[in-house]
Every structure is written in structure tokens, then in C-alpha cells.
Amino acid sequence: MLSLDPDSPHPGETMTLTVENRTRWRLEYGVPYKLERRESNRWRWVNRDSAFVLPLRFVGAGKREHEDIRVPEHLDPGRYRIVKSFTAPATDRRLEGSVEFTVASR
């Protein structure tokens, strides 16, 4: 499960993303994420050209981890979401989670 605080940031603010592992297995994930904007009843990927460092992170079964995500200055007000991918090595399963937020007016 993913959650954000705050969930209505202004451009340039930093949100805290919480990754909560509700599975029985350790999950692996990285820093990269997809940032998508809701437009005409569909999601459009807006950070396609972003560069990320690639450390491998872990979250144990029943545990939580946190990371900071800065809202880009250029984002227009509207509905967005962050999408992250996870792997459960013990099961060879790939999982994906997302959390929505609203960018407030400047």
C-alpha cells in the first residue's frame, strides 16, 4: 500500500511517500516511479524523461519504509498519481502500486 503526506501539495513542495508491505514476503523496489496526470478519463505519463539513481530498497513483511518525493515546479494544478513497481523474490511475483494526489494552485 502506498500513501502520501501531504496529498494536496503545491508545485515545489516535498511529499513523504510511505510504502507499507502487507504481504508475507520481503519486497524489493527502487527509487524510480512513474508520475502520471489524469486527463480525459485516462492517465498520461508525465515524467518519462526523468533520471533516477538506482539503489535497491527493501521493505520487510508487515513493515513500512518512507521516501521523499519533490513535486516538480512545472506541474499544473490537477489530479496526479505515483506508480511504483515491486518484486517479491521469494515468489517471483511482480507487483505494482499507485497513490493519487492533487496538485494545488500556486
PDB file of N, CA and C in Angstrom:
ATOM      1  N   MET A   1       0.833  -1.159   0.000  1.00  0.00           N
ATOM      2  CA  MET A   1       0.000   0.000   0.000  1.00  0.00           C
ATOM      3  C   MET A   1       0.888   1.234   0.000  1.00  0.00           C
ATOM      4  N   LEU A   2       0.498   2.232  -0.782  1.00  0.00           N
ATOM      5  CA  LEU A   2       1.237   3.483  -0.848  1.00  0.00           C
ATOM      6  C   LEU A   2       0.358   4.599  -0.304  1.00  0.00           C
ATOM      7  N   SER A   3       0.978   5.546   0.401  1.00  0.00           N
ATOM      8  CA  SER A   3       0.259   6.733   0.856  1.00  0.00           C
ATOM      9  C   SER A   3       1.200   7.928   0.788  1.00  0.00           C
ATOM     10  N   LEU A   4       0.611   9.130   0.730  1.00  0.00           N
ATOM     11  CA  LEU A   4       1.377  10.365   0.613  1.00  0.00           C
ATOM     12  C   LEU A   4       0.963  11.359   1.695  1.00  0.00           C
ATOM     13  N   ASP A   5       1.939  12.144   2.137  1.00  0.00           N
ATOM     14  CA  ASP A   5       1.654  13.238   3.045  1.00  0.00           C
ATOM     15  C   ASP A   5       2.533  14.416   2.657  1.00  0.00           C
ATOM     16  N   PRO A   6       1.961  15.562   2.294  1.00  0.00           N
ATOM     17  CA  PRO A   6       0.538  15.819   2.155  1.00  0.00           C
ATOM     18  C   PRO A   6       0.007  15.225   0.856  1.00  0.00           C
ATOM     19  N   ASP A   7      -1.320  15.146   0.729  1.00  0.00           N
ATOM     20  CA  ASP A   7      -1.898  14.605  -0.505  1.00  0.00           C
ATOM     21  C   ASP A   7      -2.446  15.707  -1.421  1.00  0.00           C
ATOM     22  N   SER A   8      -2.196  16.965  -1.067  1.00  0.00           N
ATOM     23  CA  SER A   8      -2.559  18.111  -1.928  1.00  0.00           C
ATOM     24  C   SER A   8      -1.421  19.137  -1.890  1.00  0.00           C
ATOM     25  N   PRO A   9      -0.246  18.761  -2.391  1.00  0.00           N
ATOM     26  CA  PRO A   9       0.914  19.659  -2.326  1.00  0.00           C
ATOM     27  C   PRO A   9       0.849  20.744  -3.405  1.00  0.00           C
ATOM     28  N   HIS A  10       1.672  21.765  -3.210  1.00  0.00           N
ATOM     29  CA  HIS A  10       1.888  22.799  -4.213  1.00  0.00           C
ATOM     30  C   HIS A  10       3.127  22.416  -5.018  1.00  0.00           C
ATOM     31  N   PRO A  11       3.255  22.914  -6.254  1.00  0.00           N
ATOM     32  CA  PRO A  11       4.482  22.659  -7.011  1.00  0.00           C
ATOM     33  C   PRO A  11       5.704  23.117  -6.208  1.00  0.00           C
ATOM     34  N   GLY A  12       6.748  22.291  -6.204  1.00  0.00           N
ATOM     35  CA  GLY A  12       7.973  22.591  -5.486  1.00  0.00           C
ATOM     36  C   GLY A  12       8.014  22.040  -4.073  1.00  0.00           C
ATOM     37  N   GLU A  13       6.876  21.610  -3.529  1.00  0.00           N
ATOM     38  CA  GLU A  13       6.855  21.039  -2.183  1.00  0.00           C
ATOM     39  C   GLU A  13       7.332  19.591  -2.205  1.00  0.00           C
ATOM     40  N   THR A  14       7.678  19.092  -1.030  1.00  0.00           N
ATOM     41  CA  THR A  14       8.109  17.707  -0.889  1.00  0.00           C
ATOM     42  C   THR A  14       7.029  16.910  -0.172  1.00  0.00           C
ATOM     43  N   MET A  15       6.708  15.744  -0.735  1.00  0.00           N
ATOM     44  CA  MET A  15       5.757  14.825  -0.119  1.00  0.00           C
ATOM     45  C   MET A  15       6.541  13.647   0.441  1.00  0.00           C
ATOM     46  N   THR A  16       6.004  13.032   1.480  1.00  0.00           N
ATOM     47  CA  THR A  16       6.574  11.803   2.010  1.00  0.00           C
ATOM     48  C   THR A  16       5.732  10.642   1.512  1.00  0.00           C
ATOM     49  N   LEU A  17       6.368   9.746   0.766  1.00  0.00           N
ATOM     50  CA  LEU A  17       5.717   8.540   0.280  1.00  0.00           C
ATOM     51  C   LEU A  17       5.983   7.427   1.283  1.00  0.00           C
ATOM     52  N   THR A  18       4.920   6.791   1.754  1.00  0.00           N
ATOM     53  CA  THR A  18       5.051   5.657   2.660  1.00  0.00           C
ATOM     54  C   THR A  18       4.724   4.385   1.895  1.00  0.00           C
ATOM     55  N   VAL A  19       5.634   3.421   1.947  1.00  0.00           N
ATOM     56  CA  VAL A  19       5.447   2.107   1.341  1.00  0.00           C
ATOM     57  C   VAL A  19       5.168   1.141   2.486  1.00  0.00           C
ATOM     58  N   GLU A  20       3.974   0.575   2.501  1.00  0.00           N
ATOM     59  CA  GLU A  20       3.601  -0.383   3.542  1.00  0.00           C
ATOM     60  C   GLU A  20       3.441  -1.754   2.908  1.00  0.00           C
ATOM     61  N   ASN A  21       4.223  -2.703   3.392  1.00  0.00           N
ATOM     62  CA  ASN A  21       4.209  -4.060   2.843  1.00  0.00           C
ATOM     63  C   ASN A  21       3.188  -4.903   3.616  1.00  0.00           C
ATOM     64  N   ARG A  22       2.083  -5.198   2.968  1.00  0.00           N
ATOM     65  CA  ARG A  22       1.033  -6.005   3.604  1.00  0.00           C
ATOM     66  C   ARG A  22       1.073  -7.458   3.138  1.00  0.00           C
ATOM     67  N   THR A  23       2.205  -7.862   2.586  1.00  0.00           N
ATOM     68  CA  THR A  23       2.355  -9.254   2.144  1.00  0.00           C
ATOM     69  C   THR A  23       3.111 -10.047   3.205  1.00  0.00           C
ATOM     70  N   ARG A  24       3.301 -11.321   2.928  1.00  0.00           N
ATOM     71  CA  ARG A  24       4.084 -12.189   3.818  1.00  0.00           C
ATOM     72  C   ARG A  24       5.550 -12.250   3.421  1.00  0.00           C
ATOM     73  N   TRP A  25       5.931 -11.539   2.366  1.00  0.00           N
ATOM     74  CA  TRP A  25       7.286 -11.634   1.833  1.00  0.00           C
ATOM     75  C   TRP A  25       7.973 -10.284   1.838  1.00  0.00           C
ATOM     76  N   ARG A  26       9.297 -10.319   1.844  1.00  0.00           N
ATOM     77  CA  ARG A  26      10.082  -9.106   1.670  1.00  0.00           C
ATOM     78  C   ARG A  26       9.891  -8.622   0.230  1.00  0.00           C
ATOM     79  N   LEU A  27       9.725  -7.332   0.076  1.00  0.00           N
ATOM     80  CA  LEU A  27       9.585  -6.749  -1.259  1.00  0.00           C
ATOM     81  C   LEU A  27      10.825  -5.920  -1.582  1.00  0.00           C
ATOM     82  N   GLU A  28      11.215  -5.948  -2.846  1.00  0.00           N
ATOM     83  CA  GLU A  28      12.327  -5.140  -3.341  1.00  0.00           C
ATOM     84  C   GLU A  28      11.759  -4.094  -4.284  1.00  0.00           C
ATOM     85  N   TYR A  29      12.354  -2.906  -4.242  1.00  0.00           N
ATOM     86  CA  TYR A  29      11.913  -1.837  -5.142  1.00  0.00           C
ATOM     87  C   TYR A  29      13.032  -0.822  -5.284  1.00  0.00           C
ATOM     88  N   GLY A  30      12.860   0.085  -6.208  1.00  0.00           N
ATOM     89  CA  GLY A  30      13.866   1.106  -6.440  1.00  0.00           C
ATOM     90  C   GLY A  30      13.302   2.496  -6.230  1.00  0.00           C
ATOM     91  N   VAL A  31      14.131   3.484  -6.437  1.00  0.00           N
ATOM     92  CA  VAL A  31      13.734   4.883  -6.314  1.00  0.00           C
ATOM     93  C   VAL A  31      12.828   5.319  -7.472  1.00  0.00           C
ATOM     94  N   PRO A  32      13.014   4.819  -8.702  1.00  0.00           N
ATOM     95  CA  PRO A  32      12.198   5.293  -9.819  1.00  0.00           C
ATOM     96  C   PRO A  32      10.701   5.106  -9.592  1.00  0.00           C
ATOM     97  N   TYR A  33       9.950   6.027 -10.164  1.00  0.00           N
ATOM     98  CA  TYR A  33       8.495   5.959 -10.140  1.00  0.00           C
ATOM     99  C   TYR A  33       7.956   6.641 -11.392  1.00  0.00           C
ATOM    100  N   LYS A  34       6.755   6.267 -11.760  1.00  0.00           N
ATOM    101  CA  LYS A  34       6.066   6.948 -12.846  1.00  0.00           C
ATOM    102  C   LYS A  34       5.164   8.009 -12.235  1.00  0.00           C
ATOM    103  N   LEU A  35       5.221   9.203 -12.785  1.00  0.00           N
ATOM    104  CA  LEU A  35       4.311  10.270 -12.395  1.00  0.00           C
ATOM    105  C   LEU A  35       3.323  10.419 -13.542  1.00  0.00           C
ATOM    106  N   GLU A  36       2.041  10.280 -13.232  1.00  0.00           N
ATOM    107  CA  GLU A  36       1.003  10.324 -14.260  1.00  0.00           C
ATOM    108  C   GLU A  36      -0.025  11.389 -13.902  1.00  0.00           C
ATOM    109  N   ARG A  37      -0.563  12.036 -14.949  1.00  0.00           N
ATOM    110  CA  ARG A  37      -1.603  13.054 -14.789  1.00  0.00           C
ATOM    111  C   ARG A  37      -2.904  12.532 -15.374  1.00  0.00           C
ATOM    112  N   ARG A  38      -4.006  12.785 -14.673  1.00  0.00           N
ATOM    113  CA  ARG A  38      -5.326  12.351 -15.138  1.00  0.00           C
ATOM    114  C   ARG A  38      -5.828  13.368 -16.155  1.00  0.00           C
ATOM    115  N   GLU A  39      -6.060  12.893 -17.391  1.00  0.00           N
ATOM    116  CA  GLU A  39      -6.542  13.745 -18.481  1.00  0.00           C
ATOM    117  C   GLU A  39      -7.560  12.971 -19.296  1.00  0.00           C
ATOM    118  N   SER A  40      -8.732  13.540 -19.473  1.00  0.00           N
ATOM    119  CA  SER A  40      -9.785  12.929 -20.302  1.00  0.00           C
ATOM    120  C   SER A  40     -10.038  11.472 -19.920  1.00  0.00           C
ATOM    121  N   ASN A  41     -10.195  11.210 -18.632  1.00  0.00           N
ATOM    122  CA  ASN A  41     -10.511   9.870 -18.116  1.00  0.00           C
ATOM    123  C   ASN A  41      -9.435   8.824 -18.365  1.00  0.00           C
ATOM    124  N   ARG A  42      -8.188   9.253 -18.542  1.00  0.00           N
ATOM    125  CA  ARG A  42      -7.078   8.304 -18.646  1.00  0.00           C
ATOM    126  C   ARG A  42      -5.833   8.913 -18.030  1.00  0.00           C
ATOM    127  N   TRP A  43      -4.875   8.061 -17.718  1.00  0.00           N
ATOM    128  CA  TRP A  43      -3.632   8.517 -17.100  1.00  0.00           C
ATOM    129  C   TRP A  43      -2.566   8.705 -18.169  1.00  0.00           C
ATOM    130  N   ARG A  44      -1.869   9.860 -18.134  1.00  0.00           N
ATOM    131  CA  ARG A  44      -0.787  10.168 -19.079  1.00  0.00           C
ATOM    132  C   ARG A  44       0.516  10.304 -18.294  1.00  0.00           C
ATOM    133  N   TRP A  45       1.527   9.549 -18.712  1.00  0.00           N
ATOM    134  CA  TRP A  45       2.843   9.528 -18.062  1.00  0.00           C
ATOM    135  C   TRP A  45       3.533  10.864 -18.324  1.00  0.00           C
ATOM    136  N   VAL A  46       3.886  11.599 -17.261  1.00  0.00           N
ATOM    137  CA  VAL A  46       4.466  12.935 -17.442  1.00  0.00           C
ATOM    138  C   VAL A  46       5.948  13.046 -17.094  1.00  0.00           C
ATOM    139  N   ASN A  47       6.539  12.075 -16.421  1.00  0.00           N
ATOM    140  CA  ASN A  47       7.973  12.161 -16.095  1.00  0.00           C
ATOM    141  C   ASN A  47       8.798  11.131 -16.870  1.00  0.00           C
ATOM    142  N   ARG A  48       8.394  10.895 -18.087  1.00  0.00           N
ATOM    143  CA  ARG A  48       9.044   9.892 -18.946  1.00  0.00           C
ATOM    144  C   ARG A  48      10.549  10.128 -19.099  1.00  0.00           C
ATOM    145  N   ASP A  49      10.985  11.397 -19.081  1.00  0.00           N
ATOM    146  CA  ASP A  49      12.399  11.722 -19.301  1.00  0.00           C
ATOM    147  C   ASP A  49      13.192  11.920 -18.012  1.00  0.00           C
ATOM    148  N   SER A  50      12.619  11.594 -16.869  1.00  0.00           N
ATOM    149  CA  SER A  50      13.307  11.789 -15.592  1.00  0.00           C
ATOM    150  C   SER A  50      14.431  10.773 -15.416  1.00  0.00           C
ATOM    151  N   ALA A  51      15.477  11.204 -14.718  1.00  0.00           N
ATOM    152  CA  ALA A  51      16.599  10.317 -14.400  1.00  0.00           C
ATOM    153  C   ALA A  51      16.568  10.025 -12.899  1.00  0.00           C
ATOM    154  N   PHE A  52      16.872   8.795 -12.528  1.00  0.00           N
ATOM    155  CA  PHE A  52      16.865   8.380 -11.130  1.00  0.00           C
ATOM    156  C   PHE A  52      18.146   7.636 -10.809  1.00  0.00           C
ATOM    157  N   VAL A  53      18.568   7.724  -9.545  1.00  0.00           N
ATOM    158  CA  VAL A  53      19.627   6.834  -9.080  1.00  0.00           C
ATOM    159  C   VAL A  53      18.973   5.471  -8.882  1.00  0.00           C
ATOM    160  N   LEU A  54      19.743   4.399  -8.913  1.00  0.00           N
ATOM    161  CA  LEU A  54      19.140   3.075  -8.901  1.00  0.00           C
ATOM    162  C   LEU A  54      19.517   2.199  -7.707  1.00  0.00           C
ATOM    163  N   PRO A  55      19.501   2.730  -6.490  1.00  0.00           N
ATOM    164  CA  PRO A  55      19.744   1.810  -5.364  1.00  0.00           C
ATOM    165  C   PRO A  55      18.552   0.879  -5.182  1.00  0.00           C
ATOM    166  N   LEU A  56      18.840  -0.314  -4.725  1.00  0.00           N
ATOM    167  CA  LEU A  56      17.784  -1.289  -4.448  1.00  0.00           C
ATOM    168  C   LEU A  56      17.342  -1.109  -3.008  1.00  0.00           C
ATOM    169  N   ARG A  57      16.039  -1.017  -2.807  1.00  0.00           N
ATOM    170  CA  ARG A  57      15.484  -0.860  -1.464  1.00  0.00           C
ATOM    171  C   ARG A  57      14.678  -2.092  -1.100  1.00  0.00           C
ATOM    172  N   PHE A  58      14.486  -2.275   0.191  1.00  0.00           N
ATOM    173  CA  PHE A  58      13.730  -3.423   0.693  1.00  0.00           C
ATOM    174  C   PHE A  58      12.712  -2.942   1.709  1.00  0.00           C
ATOM    175  N   VAL A  59      11.586  -3.647   1.765  1.00  0.00           N
ATOM    176  CA  VAL A  59      10.618  -3.433   2.837  1.00  0.00           C
ATOM    177  C   VAL A  59      10.170  -4.818   3.290  1.00  0.00           C
ATOM    178  N   GLY A  60      10.398  -5.098   4.561  1.00  0.00           N
ATOM    179  CA  GLY A  60      10.074  -6.415   5.104  1.00  0.00           C
ATOM    180  C   GLY A  60       8.574  -6.631   5.222  1.00  0.00           C
ATOM    181  N   ALA A  61       8.181  -7.884   5.347  1.00  0.00           N
ATOM    182  CA  ALA A  61       6.772  -8.237   5.534  1.00  0.00           C
ATOM    183  C   ALA A  61       6.229  -7.513   6.762  1.00  0.00           C
ATOM    184  N   GLY A  62       5.094  -6.826   6.579  1.00  0.00           N
ATOM    185  CA  GLY A  62       4.467  -6.110   7.677  1.00  0.00           C
ATOM    186  C   GLY A  62       5.164  -4.823   8.085  1.00  0.00           C
ATOM    187  N   LYS A  63       6.159  -4.377   7.323  1.00  0.00           N
ATOM    188  CA  LYS A  63       6.934  -3.176   7.663  1.00  0.00           C
ATOM    189  C   LYS A  63       6.576  -2.005   6.753  1.00  0.00           C
ATOM    190  N   ARG A  64       7.095  -0.828   7.119  1.00  0.00           N
ATOM    191  CA  ARG A  64       6.905   0.405   6.342  1.00  0.00           C
ATOM    192  C   ARG A  64       8.250   1.054   6.078  1.00  0.00           C
ATOM    193  N   GLU A  65       8.347   1.689   4.935  1.00  0.00           N
ATOM    194  CA  GLU A  65       9.515   2.496   4.583  1.00  0.00           C
ATOM    195  C   GLU A  65       8.998   3.830   4.046  1.00  0.00           C
ATOM    196  N   HIS A  66       9.849   4.868   4.128  1.00  0.00           N
ATOM    197  CA  HIS A  66       9.454   6.204   3.696  1.00  0.00           C
ATOM    198  C   HIS A  66      10.495   6.761   2.732  1.00  0.00           C
ATOM    199  N   GLU A  67      10.026   7.586   1.810  1.00  0.00           N
ATOM    200  CA  GLU A  67      10.945   8.320   0.943  1.00  0.00           C
ATOM    201  C   GLU A  67      10.319   9.651   0.585  1.00  0.00           C
ATOM    202  N   ASP A  68      11.164  10.644   0.338  1.00  0.00           N
ATOM    203  CA  ASP A  68      10.685  11.968  -0.038  1.00  0.00           C
ATOM    204  C   ASP A  68      10.596  12.086  -1.546  1.00  0.00           C
ATOM    205  N   ILE A  69       9.523  12.704  -2.006  1.00  0.00           N
ATOM    206  CA  ILE A  69       9.326  12.951  -3.427  1.00  0.00           C
ATOM    207  C   ILE A  69       8.994  14.432  -3.590  1.00  0.00           C
ATOM    208  N   ARG A  70       9.799  15.123  -4.379  1.00  0.00           N
ATOM    209  CA  ARG A  70       9.583  16.552  -4.625  1.00  0.00           C
ATOM    210  C   ARG A  70       8.631  16.705  -5.808  1.00  0.00           C
ATOM    211  N   VAL A  71       7.620  17.543  -5.619  1.00  0.00           N
ATOM    212  CA  VAL A  71       6.659  17.824  -6.694  1.00  0.00           C
ATOM    213  C   VAL A  71       7.332  18.798  -7.664  1.00  0.00           C
ATOM    214  N   PRO A  72       7.458  18.425  -8.940  1.00  0.00           N
ATOM    215  CA  PRO A  72       8.118  19.319  -9.897  1.00  0.00           C
ATOM    216  C   PRO A  72       7.459  20.705  -9.958  1.00  0.00           C
ATOM    217  N   GLU A  73       8.277  21.725 -10.103  1.00  0.00           N
ATOM    218  CA  GLU A  73       7.804  23.113 -10.154  1.00  0.00           C
ATOM    219  C   GLU A  73       6.851  23.370 -11.326  1.00  0.00           C
ATOM    220  N   HIS A  74       7.032  22.651 -12.420  1.00  0.00           N
ATOM    221  CA  HIS A  74       6.273  22.934 -13.643  1.00  0.00           C
ATOM    222  C   HIS A  74       4.881  22.293 -13.684  1.00  0.00           C
ATOM    223  N   LEU A  75       4.503  21.508 -12.674  1.00  0.00           N
ATOM    224  CA  LEU A  75       3.212  20.823 -12.739  1.00  0.00           C
ATOM    225  C   LEU A  75       2.050  21.792 -12.606  1.00  0.00           C
ATOM    226  N   ASP A  76       1.076  21.628 -13.488  1.00  0.00           N
ATOM    227  CA  ASP A  76      -0.155  22.405 -13.417  1.00  0.00           C
ATOM    228  C   ASP A  76      -1.061  21.796 -12.364  1.00  0.00           C
ATOM    229  N   PRO A  77      -1.943  22.606 -11.781  1.00  0.00           N
ATOM    230  CA  PRO A  77      -2.911  22.043 -10.834  1.00  0.00           C
ATOM    231  C   PRO A  77      -3.698  20.915 -11.497  1.00  0.00           C
ATOM    232  N   GLY A  78      -4.035  19.900 -10.722  1.00  0.00           N
ATOM    233  CA  GLY A  78      -4.802  18.785 -11.263  1.00  0.00           C
ATOM    234  C   GLY A  78      -4.570  17.515 -10.475  1.00  0.00           C
ATOM    235  N   ARG A  79      -5.115  16.423 -11.026  1.00  0.00           N
ATOM    236  CA  ARG A  79      -5.051  15.102 -10.383  1.00  0.00           C
ATOM    237  C   ARG A  79      -3.870  14.327 -10.953  1.00  0.00           C
ATOM    238  N   TYR A  80      -3.044  13.770 -10.069  1.00  0.00           N
ATOM    239  CA  TYR A  80      -1.855  13.021 -10.449  1.00  0.00           C
ATOM    240  C   TYR A  80      -1.805  11.727  -9.653  1.00  0.00           C
ATOM    241  N   ARG A  81      -0.891  10.840 -10.059  1.00  0.00           N
ATOM    242  CA  ARG A  81      -0.615   9.659  -9.252  1.00  0.00           C
ATOM    243  C   ARG A  81       0.839   9.251  -9.425  1.00  0.00           C
ATOM    244  N   ILE A  82       1.345   8.579  -8.409  1.00  0.00           N
ATOM    245  CA  ILE A  82       2.680   7.983  -8.431  1.00  0.00           C
ATOM    246  C   ILE A  82       2.483   6.482  -8.528  1.00  0.00           C
ATOM    247  N   VAL A  83       3.222   5.851  -9.461  1.00  0.00           N
ATOM    248  CA  VAL A  83       3.145   4.409  -9.674  1.00  0.00           C
ATOM    249  C   VAL A  83       4.529   3.820  -9.419  1.00  0.00           C
ATOM    250  N   LYS A  84       4.611   2.805  -8.545  1.00  0.00           N
ATOM    251  CA  LYS A  84       5.884   2.150  -8.235  1.00  0.00           C
ATOM    252  C   LYS A  84       5.748   0.656  -8.463  1.00  0.00           C
ATOM    253  N   SER A  85       6.857   0.039  -8.861  1.00  0.00           N
ATOM    254  CA  SER A  85       6.912  -1.409  -9.094  1.00  0.00           C
ATOM    255  C   SER A  85       7.694  -2.078  -7.970  1.00  0.00           C
ATOM    256  N   PHE A  86       7.272  -3.279  -7.617  1.00  0.00           N
ATOM    257  CA  PHE A  86       7.880  -4.069  -6.552  1.00  0.00           C
ATOM    258  C   PHE A  86       8.073  -5.491  -7.041  1.00  0.00           C
ATOM    259  N   THR A  87       9.060  -6.168  -6.461  1.00  0.00           N
ATOM    260  CA  THR A  87       9.293  -7.574  -6.740  1.00  0.00           C
ATOM    261  C   THR A  87       9.333  -8.328  -5.420  1.00  0.00           C
ATOM    262  N   ALA A  88       8.681  -9.487  -5.401  1.00  0.00           N
ATOM    263  CA  ALA A  88       8.749 -10.389  -4.245  1.00  0.00           C
ATOM    264  C   ALA A  88       9.628 -11.563  -4.667  1.00  0.00           C
ATOM    265  N   PRO A  89      10.959 -11.492  -4.410  1.00  0.00           N
ATOM    266  CA  PRO A  89      11.878 -12.536  -4.877  1.00  0.00           C
ATOM    267  C   PRO A  89      11.493 -13.941  -4.436  1.00  0.00           C
ATOM    268  N   ALA A  90      10.915 -14.070  -3.259  1.00  0.00           N
ATOM    269  CA  ALA A  90      10.554 -15.402  -2.754  1.00  0.00           C
ATOM    270  C   ALA A  90       9.492 -16.077  -3.611  1.00  0.00           C
ATOM    271  N   THR A  91       8.721 -15.287  -4.336  1.00  0.00           N
ATOM    272  CA  THR A  91       7.625 -15.846  -5.144  1.00  0.00           C
ATOM    273  C   THR A  91       7.788 -15.590  -6.633  1.00  0.00           C
ATOM    274  N   ASP A  92       8.785 -14.795  -7.016  1.00  0.00           N
ATOM    275  CA  ASP A  92       8.982 -14.383  -8.409  1.00  0.00           C
ATOM    276  C   ASP A  92       7.814 -13.546  -8.935  1.00  0.00           C
ATOM    277  N   ARG A  93       7.086 -12.915  -8.035  1.00  0.00           N
ATOM    278  CA  ARG A  93       5.954 -12.083  -8.438  1.00  0.00           C
ATOM    279  C   ARG A  93       6.380 -10.635  -8.556  1.00  0.00           C
ATOM    280  N   ARG A  94       5.786  -9.954  -9.518  1.00  0.00           N
ATOM    281  CA  ARG A  94       5.993  -8.524  -9.706  1.00  0.00           C
ATOM    282  C   ARG A  94       4.682  -7.829  -9.354  1.00  0.00           C
ATOM    283  N   LEU A  95       4.767  -6.806  -8.504  1.00  0.00           N
ATOM    284  CA  LEU A  95       3.595  -6.076  -8.044  1.00  0.00           C
ATOM    285  C   LEU A  95       3.728  -4.611  -8.422  1.00  0.00           C
ATOM    286  N   GLU A  96       2.609  -3.938  -8.525  1.00  0.00           N
ATOM    287  CA  GLU A  96       2.612  -2.516  -8.815  1.00  0.00           C
ATOM    288  C   GLU A  96       1.621  -1.843  -7.888  1.00  0.00           C
ATOM    289  N   GLY A  97       1.988  -0.686  -7.381  1.00  0.00           N
ATOM    290  CA  GLY A  97       1.096   0.077  -6.518  1.00  0.00           C
ATOM    291  C   GLY A  97       1.052   1.513  -6.987  1.00  0.00           C
ATOM    292  N   SER A  98      -0.044   2.190  -6.673  1.00  0.00           N
ATOM    293  CA  SER A  98      -0.153   3.601  -7.028  1.00  0.00           C
ATOM    294  C   SER A  98      -0.887   4.352  -5.929  1.00  0.00           C
ATOM    295  N   VAL A  99      -0.655   5.654  -5.896  1.00  0.00           N
ATOM    296  CA  VAL A  99      -1.338   6.535  -4.955  1.00  0.00           C
ATOM    297  C   VAL A  99      -1.606   7.859  -5.670  1.00  0.00           C
ATOM    298  N   GLU A 100      -2.814   8.352  -5.524  1.00  0.00           N
ATOM    299  CA  GLU A 100      -3.228   9.591  -6.181  1.00  0.00           C
ATOM    300  C   GLU A 100      -3.043  10.789  -5.257  1.00  0.00           C
ATOM    301  N   PHE A 101      -2.860  11.954  -5.889  1.00  0.00           N
ATOM    302  CA  PHE A 101      -2.781  13.211  -5.157  1.00  0.00           C
ATOM    303  C   PHE A 101      -3.220  14.344  -6.069  1.00  0.00           C
ATOM    304  N   THR A 102      -3.505  15.485  -5.475  1.00  0.00           N
ATOM    305  CA  THR A 102      -3.930  16.661  -6.221  1.00  0.00           C
ATOM    306  C   THR A 102      -2.900  17.750  -6.053  1.00  0.00           C
ATOM    307  N   VAL A 103      -2.421  18.294  -7.176  1.00  0.00           N
ATOM    308  CA  VAL A 103      -1.507  19.432  -7.108  1.00  0.00           C
ATOM    309  C   VAL A 103      -2.367  20.684  -6.955  1.00  0.00           C
ATOM    310  N   ALA A 104      -2.118  21.407  -5.882  1.00  0.00           N
ATOM    311  CA  ALA A 104      -2.879  22.619  -5.578  1.00  0.00           C
ATOM    312  C   ALA A 104      -2.365  23.797  -6.415  1.00  0.00           C
ATOM    313  N   SER A 105      -3.172  24.829  -6.524  1.00  0.00           N
ATOM    314  CA  SER A 105      -2.776  26.051  -7.237  1.00  0.00           C
ATOM    315  C   SER A 105      -1.621  26.710  -6.517  1.00  0.00           C
ATOM    316  N   ARG A 106      -0.836  27.424  -7.273  1.00  0.00           N
ATOM    317  CA  ARG A 106       0.343  28.110  -6.697  1.00  0.00           C
ATOM    318  C   ARG A 106      -0.044  29.260  -5.841  1.00  0.00           C
TER     319      ARG A 106
END
